[in-house]
Amino acid sequence: MTQKEKKAVSKTAKPKAKAAPPRTRPRSVAKVLSESEVQQRAYALWESRGRPFGSPEVDWYRAKEQQNPE
């Protein structure tokens, strides 16, 4: 094999570098709602259900679940 052929083979045989993956936020990073934000969300959920009497914990837990969906 001549020097010219070796250079041609070595140029074509080199593996291409992989592109870096796009930078994204890790999934573990989530916005944590403050107590007052949970209260506001729970109130909005309660209003959307027609302001029923009793069972405030239904809306509270639903607001907390929407905060950290997993």
PDB file of N, CA and C in Angstrom:
ATOM      1  N   MET A   1       0.851  -1.171   0.000  1.00  0.00           N
ATOM      2  CA  MET A   1       0.000   0.000   0.000  1.00  0.00           C
ATOM      3  C   MET A   1       0.901   1.240   0.000  1.00  0.00           C
ATOM      4  N   THR A   2       0.590   2.169  -0.861  1.00  0.00           N
ATOM      5  CA  THR A   2       1.398   3.381  -0.968  1.00  0.00           C
ATOM      6  C   THR A   2       0.994   4.370   0.112  1.00  0.00           C
ATOM      7  N   GLN A   3       1.816   5.372   0.298  1.00  0.00           N
ATOM      8  CA  GLN A   3       1.522   6.414   1.284  1.00  0.00           C
ATOM      9  C   GLN A   3       0.215   7.133   0.951  1.00  0.00           C
ATOM     10  N   LYS A   4      -0.009   7.356  -0.313  1.00  0.00           N
ATOM     11  CA  LYS A   4      -1.218   8.024  -0.762  1.00  0.00           C
ATOM     12  C   LYS A   4      -2.458   7.207  -0.396  1.00  0.00           C
ATOM     13  N   GLU A   5      -2.397   5.907  -0.599  1.00  0.00           N
ATOM     14  CA  GLU A   5      -3.515   5.026  -0.280  1.00  0.00           C
ATOM     15  C   GLU A   5      -3.746   4.970   1.237  1.00  0.00           C
ATOM     16  N   LYS A   6      -2.656   4.943   2.015  1.00  0.00           N
ATOM     17  CA  LYS A   6      -2.783   4.924   3.475  1.00  0.00           C
ATOM     18  C   LYS A   6      -3.473   6.180   3.985  1.00  0.00           C
ATOM     19  N   LYS A   7      -3.118   7.316   3.426  1.00  0.00           N
ATOM     20  CA  LYS A   7      -3.744   8.581   3.842  1.00  0.00           C
ATOM     21  C   LYS A   7      -5.230   8.590   3.484  1.00  0.00           C
ATOM     22  N   ALA A   8      -5.536   8.077   2.304  1.00  0.00           N
ATOM     23  CA  ALA A   8      -6.933   8.044   1.876  1.00  0.00           C
ATOM     24  C   ALA A   8      -7.752   7.129   2.775  1.00  0.00           C
ATOM     25  N   VAL A   9      -7.201   5.986   3.164  1.00  0.00           N
ATOM     26  CA  VAL A   9      -7.895   5.047   4.041  1.00  0.00           C
ATOM     27  C   VAL A   9      -8.041   5.636   5.433  1.00  0.00           C
ATOM     28  N   SER A  10      -6.968   6.253   5.949  1.00  0.00           N
ATOM     29  CA  SER A  10      -7.029   6.791   7.304  1.00  0.00           C
ATOM     30  C   SER A  10      -8.011   7.952   7.407  1.00  0.00           C
ATOM     31  N   LYS A  11      -8.180   8.716   6.322  1.00  0.00           N
ATOM     32  CA  LYS A  11      -9.134   9.827   6.338  1.00  0.00           C
ATOM     33  C   LYS A  11     -10.572   9.318   6.347  1.00  0.00           C
ATOM     34  N   THR A  12     -10.827   8.256   5.631  1.00  0.00           N
ATOM     35  CA  THR A  12     -12.197   7.742   5.552  1.00  0.00           C
ATOM     36  C   THR A  12     -12.538   6.841   6.723  1.00  0.00           C
ATOM     37  N   ALA A  13     -11.549   6.287   7.398  1.00  0.00           N
ATOM     38  CA  ALA A  13     -11.805   5.345   8.472  1.00  0.00           C
ATOM     39  C   ALA A  13     -12.029   6.011   9.823  1.00  0.00           C
ATOM     40  N   LYS A  14     -11.793   7.308   9.925  1.00  0.00           N
ATOM     41  CA  LYS A  14     -11.946   7.994  11.205  1.00  0.00           C
ATOM     42  C   LYS A  14     -13.430   8.079  11.581  1.00  0.00           C
ATOM     43  N   PRO A  15     -13.749   7.711  12.806  1.00  0.00           N
ATOM     44  CA  PRO A  15     -15.149   7.838  13.235  1.00  0.00           C
ATOM     45  C   PRO A  15     -15.501   9.308  13.452  1.00  0.00           C
ATOM     46  N   LYS A  16     -16.700   9.627  13.116  1.00  0.00           N
ATOM     47  CA  LYS A  16     -17.149  11.005  13.300  1.00  0.00           C
ATOM     48  C   LYS A  16     -17.492  11.234  14.763  1.00  0.00           C
ATOM     49  N   ALA A  17     -17.219  12.435  15.216  1.00  0.00           N
ATOM     50  CA  ALA A  17     -17.537  12.789  16.598  1.00  0.00           C
ATOM     51  C   ALA A  17     -19.050  12.904  16.748  1.00  0.00           C
ATOM     52  N   LYS A  18     -19.555  12.429  17.867  1.00  0.00           N
ATOM     53  CA  LYS A  18     -20.990  12.519  18.129  1.00  0.00           C
ATOM     54  C   LYS A  18     -21.341  13.932  18.581  1.00  0.00           C
ATOM     55  N   ALA A  19     -22.491  14.369  18.165  1.00  0.00           N
ATOM     56  CA  ALA A  19     -22.958  15.689  18.566  1.00  0.00           C
ATOM     57  C   ALA A  19     -23.364  15.647  20.035  1.00  0.00           C
ATOM     58  N   ALA A  20     -23.121  16.731  20.723  1.00  0.00           N
ATOM     59  CA  ALA A  20     -23.498  16.824  22.132  1.00  0.00           C
ATOM     60  C   ALA A  20     -25.021  16.853  22.237  1.00  0.00           C
ATOM     61  N   PRO A  21     -25.574  16.206  23.258  1.00  0.00           N
ATOM     62  CA  PRO A  21     -27.031  16.223  23.419  1.00  0.00           C
ATOM     63  C   PRO A  21     -27.500  17.637  23.759  1.00  0.00           C
ATOM     64  N   PRO A  22     -28.724  17.973  23.401  1.00  0.00           N
ATOM     65  CA  PRO A  22     -29.226  19.316  23.707  1.00  0.00           C
ATOM     66  C   PRO A  22     -29.329  19.522  25.219  1.00  0.00           C
ATOM     67  N   ARG A  23     -29.077  20.732  25.634  1.00  0.00           N
ATOM     68  CA  ARG A  23     -29.152  21.037  27.066  1.00  0.00           C
ATOM     69  C   ARG A  23     -30.609  21.227  27.466  1.00  0.00           C
ATOM     70  N   THR A  24     -31.026  20.449  28.418  1.00  0.00           N
ATOM     71  CA  THR A  24     -32.387  20.552  28.925  1.00  0.00           C
ATOM     72  C   THR A  24     -32.341  20.530  30.433  1.00  0.00           C
ATOM     73  N   ARG A  25     -33.410  20.989  31.052  1.00  0.00           N
ATOM     74  CA  ARG A  25     -33.495  20.938  32.506  1.00  0.00           C
ATOM     75  C   ARG A  25     -33.772  19.510  32.919  1.00  0.00           C
ATOM     76  N   PRO A  26     -33.130  19.052  33.963  1.00  0.00           N
ATOM     77  CA  PRO A  26     -33.421  17.703  34.448  1.00  0.00           C
ATOM     78  C   PRO A  26     -34.878  17.596  34.882  1.00  0.00           C
ATOM     79  N   ARG A  27     -35.446  16.414  34.717  1.00  0.00           N
ATOM     80  CA  ARG A  27     -36.848  16.221  35.099  1.00  0.00           C
ATOM     81  C   ARG A  27     -37.071  16.354  36.595  1.00  0.00           C
ATOM     82  N   SER A  28     -36.022  16.133  37.365  1.00  0.00           N
ATOM     83  CA  SER A  28     -36.179  16.190  38.806  1.00  0.00           C
ATOM     84  C   SER A  28     -36.376  17.622  39.303  1.00  0.00           C
ATOM     85  N   VAL A  29     -36.049  18.593  38.473  1.00  0.00           N
ATOM     86  CA  VAL A  29     -36.223  19.983  38.869  1.00  0.00           C
ATOM     87  C   VAL A  29     -37.664  20.365  38.588  1.00  0.00           C
ATOM     88  N   ALA A  30     -38.405  20.640  39.616  1.00  0.00           N
ATOM     89  CA  ALA A  30     -39.803  21.022  39.473  1.00  0.00           C
ATOM     90  C   ALA A  30     -40.061  22.262  40.311  1.00  0.00           C
ATOM     91  N   LYS A  31     -40.991  23.073  39.862  1.00  0.00           N
ATOM     92  CA  LYS A  31     -41.336  24.261  40.611  1.00  0.00           C
ATOM     93  C   LYS A  31     -42.137  23.830  41.829  1.00  0.00           C
ATOM     94  N   VAL A  32     -41.668  24.226  42.987  1.00  0.00           N
ATOM     95  CA  VAL A  32     -42.374  23.903  44.219  1.00  0.00           C
ATOM     96  C   VAL A  32     -43.247  25.096  44.569  1.00  0.00           C
ATOM     97  N   LEU A  33     -44.531  24.826  44.705  1.00  0.00           N
ATOM     98  CA  LEU A  33     -45.468  25.893  45.036  1.00  0.00           C
ATOM     99  C   LEU A  33     -45.379  26.241  46.507  1.00  0.00           C
ATOM    100  N   SER A  34     -45.510  27.510  46.796  1.00  0.00           N
ATOM    101  CA  SER A  34     -45.554  27.932  48.186  1.00  0.00           C
ATOM    102  C   SER A  34     -46.915  27.553  48.768  1.00  0.00           C
ATOM    103  N   GLU A  35     -47.025  27.673  50.061  1.00  0.00           N
ATOM    104  CA  GLU A  35     -48.289  27.344  50.744  1.00  0.00           C
ATOM    105  C   GLU A  35     -49.441  28.186  50.197  1.00  0.00           C
ATOM    106  N   SER A  36     -49.186  29.473  49.980  1.00  0.00           N
ATOM    107  CA  SER A  36     -50.259  30.344  49.487  1.00  0.00           C
ATOM    108  C   SER A  36     -50.628  30.011  48.042  1.00  0.00           C
ATOM    109  N   GLU A  37     -49.655  29.565  47.224  1.00  0.00           N
ATOM    110  CA  GLU A  37     -49.963  29.170  45.856  1.00  0.00           C
ATOM    111  C   GLU A  37     -50.812  27.905  45.831  1.00  0.00           C
ATOM    112  N   VAL A  38     -50.553  26.980  46.753  1.00  0.00           N
ATOM    113  CA  VAL A  38     -51.371  25.768  46.861  1.00  0.00           C
ATOM    114  C   VAL A  38     -52.783  26.164  47.288  1.00  0.00           C
ATOM    115  N   GLN A  39     -52.889  27.085  48.218  1.00  0.00           N
ATOM    116  CA  GLN A  39     -54.209  27.550  48.677  1.00  0.00           C
ATOM    117  C   GLN A  39     -54.990  28.166  47.522  1.00  0.00           C
ATOM    118  N   GLN A  40     -54.309  29.009  46.743  1.00  0.00           N
ATOM    119  CA  GLN A  40     -54.978  29.658  45.613  1.00  0.00           C
ATOM    120  C   GLN A  40     -55.429  28.634  44.575  1.00  0.00           C
ATOM    121  N   ARG A  41     -54.572  27.640  44.315  1.00  0.00           N
ATOM    122  CA  ARG A  41     -54.924  26.605  43.336  1.00  0.00           C
ATOM    123  C   ARG A  41     -56.090  25.754  43.846  1.00  0.00           C
ATOM    124  N   ALA A  42     -56.060  25.409  45.130  1.00  0.00           N
ATOM    125  CA  ALA A  42     -57.133  24.614  45.721  1.00  0.00           C
ATOM    126  C   ALA A  42     -58.458  25.388  45.678  1.00  0.00           C
ATOM    127  N   TYR A  43     -58.385  26.675  45.936  1.00  0.00           N
ATOM    128  CA  TYR A  43     -59.595  27.506  45.880  1.00  0.00           C
ATOM    129  C   TYR A  43     -60.156  27.542  44.462  1.00  0.00           C
ATOM    130  N   ALA A  44     -59.272  27.677  43.477  1.00  0.00           N
ATOM    131  CA  ALA A  44     -59.720  27.698  42.076  1.00  0.00           C
ATOM    132  C   ALA A  44     -60.351  26.359  41.696  1.00  0.00           C
ATOM    133  N   LEU A  45     -59.763  25.262  42.171  1.00  0.00           N
ATOM    134  CA  LEU A  45     -60.345  23.948  41.901  1.00  0.00           C
ATOM    135  C   LEU A  45     -61.711  23.807  42.563  1.00  0.00           C
ATOM    136  N   TRP A  46     -61.829  24.279  43.782  1.00  0.00           N
ATOM    137  CA  TRP A  46     -63.098  24.229  44.512  1.00  0.00           C
ATOM    138  C   TRP A  46     -64.167  25.021  43.763  1.00  0.00           C
ATOM    139  N   GLU A  47     -63.794  26.218  43.284  1.00  0.00           N
ATOM    140  CA  GLU A  47     -64.749  27.026  42.524  1.00  0.00           C
ATOM    141  C   GLU A  47     -65.161  26.324  41.232  1.00  0.00           C
ATOM    142  N   SER A  48     -64.197  25.662  40.585  1.00  0.00           N
ATOM    143  CA  SER A  48     -64.517  24.982  39.327  1.00  0.00           C
ATOM    144  C   SER A  48     -65.449  23.790  39.544  1.00  0.00           C
ATOM    145  N   ARG A  49     -65.472  23.261  40.781  1.00  0.00           N
ATOM    146  CA  ARG A  49     -66.389  22.148  41.090  1.00  0.00           C
ATOM    147  C   ARG A  49     -67.749  22.655  41.529  1.00  0.00           C
ATOM    148  N   GLY A  50     -67.964  23.968  41.522  1.00  0.00           N
ATOM    149  CA  GLY A  50     -69.267  24.525  41.880  1.00  0.00           C
ATOM    150  C   GLY A  50     -69.403  24.877  43.348  1.00  0.00           C
ATOM    151  N   ARG A  51     -68.285  25.044  44.048  1.00  0.00           N
ATOM    152  CA  ARG A  51     -68.255  25.420  45.461  1.00  0.00           C
ATOM    153  C   ARG A  51     -69.087  24.495  46.356  1.00  0.00           C
ATOM    154  N   PRO A  52     -68.847  23.196  46.293  1.00  0.00           N
ATOM    155  CA  PRO A  52     -69.634  22.269  47.111  1.00  0.00           C
ATOM    156  C   PRO A  52     -69.299  22.413  48.601  1.00  0.00           C
ATOM    157  N   PHE A  53     -70.253  22.042  49.439  1.00  0.00           N
ATOM    158  CA  PHE A  53     -70.058  22.092  50.880  1.00  0.00           C
ATOM    159  C   PHE A  53     -69.275  20.862  51.329  1.00  0.00           C
ATOM    160  N   GLY A  54     -68.289  21.067  52.208  1.00  0.00           N
ATOM    161  CA  GLY A  54     -67.511  19.951  52.751  1.00  0.00           C
ATOM    162  C   GLY A  54     -66.406  19.479  51.815  1.00  0.00           C
ATOM    163  N   SER A  55     -65.608  18.562  52.296  1.00  0.00           N
ATOM    164  CA  SER A  55     -64.510  17.929  51.544  1.00  0.00           C
ATOM    165  C   SER A  55     -63.464  18.900  50.985  1.00  0.00           C
ATOM    166  N   PRO A  56     -62.953  19.830  51.778  1.00  0.00           N
ATOM    167  CA  PRO A  56     -61.928  20.742  51.247  1.00  0.00           C
ATOM    168  C   PRO A  56     -60.620  20.028  50.923  1.00  0.00           C
ATOM    169  N   GLU A  57     -60.397  18.885  51.583  1.00  0.00           N
ATOM    170  CA  GLU A  57     -59.138  18.166  51.349  1.00  0.00           C
ATOM    171  C   GLU A  57     -59.049  17.611  49.930  1.00  0.00           C
ATOM    172  N   VAL A  58     -60.196  17.401  49.278  1.00  0.00           N
ATOM    173  CA  VAL A  58     -60.193  16.901  47.894  1.00  0.00           C
ATOM    174  C   VAL A  58     -59.442  17.888  47.000  1.00  0.00           C
ATOM    175  N   ASP A  59     -59.788  19.151  47.119  1.00  0.00           N
ATOM    176  CA  ASP A  59     -59.157  20.172  46.287  1.00  0.00           C
ATOM    177  C   ASP A  59     -57.720  20.430  46.720  1.00  0.00           C
ATOM    178  N   TRP A  60     -57.470  20.355  48.023  1.00  0.00           N
ATOM    179  CA  TRP A  60     -56.118  20.589  48.540  1.00  0.00           C
ATOM    180  C   TRP A  60     -55.148  19.526  47.990  1.00  0.00           C
ATOM    181  N   TYR A  61     -55.531  18.266  48.107  1.00  0.00           N
ATOM    182  CA  TYR A  61     -54.651  17.199  47.622  1.00  0.00           C
ATOM    183  C   TYR A  61     -54.516  17.218  46.103  1.00  0.00           C
ATOM    184  N   ARG A  62     -55.568  17.601  45.436  1.00  0.00           N
ATOM    185  CA  ARG A  62     -55.498  17.711  43.976  1.00  0.00           C
ATOM    186  C   ARG A  62     -54.534  18.826  43.559  1.00  0.00           C
ATOM    187  N   ALA A  63     -54.570  19.937  44.297  1.00  0.00           N
ATOM    188  CA  ALA A  63     -53.644  21.040  44.022  1.00  0.00           C
ATOM    189  C   ALA A  63     -52.213  20.609  44.293  1.00  0.00           C
ATOM    190  N   LYS A  64     -51.997  19.841  45.362  1.00  0.00           N
ATOM    191  CA  LYS A  64     -50.651  19.348  45.676  1.00  0.00           C
ATOM    192  C   LYS A  64     -50.171  18.364  44.616  1.00  0.00           C
ATOM    193  N   GLU A  65     -51.061  17.505  44.115  1.00  0.00           N
ATOM    194  CA  GLU A  65     -50.697  16.539  43.080  1.00  0.00           C
ATOM    195  C   GLU A  65     -50.312  17.241  41.777  1.00  0.00           C
ATOM    196  N   GLN A  66     -51.025  18.304  41.450  1.00  0.00           N
ATOM    197  CA  GLN A  66     -50.724  19.037  40.237  1.00  0.00           C
ATOM    198  C   GLN A  66     -49.390  19.773  40.361  1.00  0.00           C
ATOM    199  N   GLN A  67     -48.981  20.008  41.572  1.00  0.00           N
ATOM    200  CA  GLN A  67     -47.697  20.650  41.826  1.00  0.00           C
ATOM    201  C   GLN A  67     -46.550  19.739  41.422  1.00  0.00           C
ATOM    202  N   ASN A  68     -46.630  18.458  41.800  1.00  0.00           N
ATOM    203  CA  ASN A  68     -45.579  17.479  41.509  1.00  0.00           C
ATOM    204  C   ASN A  68     -46.148  16.255  40.815  1.00  0.00           C
ATOM    205  N   PRO A  69     -46.510  16.356  39.535  1.00  0.00           N
ATOM    206  CA  PRO A  69     -47.029  15.171  38.847  1.00  0.00           C
ATOM    207  C   PRO A  69     -45.916  14.163  38.617  1.00  0.00           C
ATOM    208  N   GLU A  70     -46.145  12.922  38.983  1.00  0.00           N
ATOM    209  CA  GLU A  70     -45.119  11.880  38.840  1.00  0.00           C
ATOM    210  C   GLU A  70     -45.682  10.621  38.256  1.00  0.00           C
TER     211      GLU A  70
END
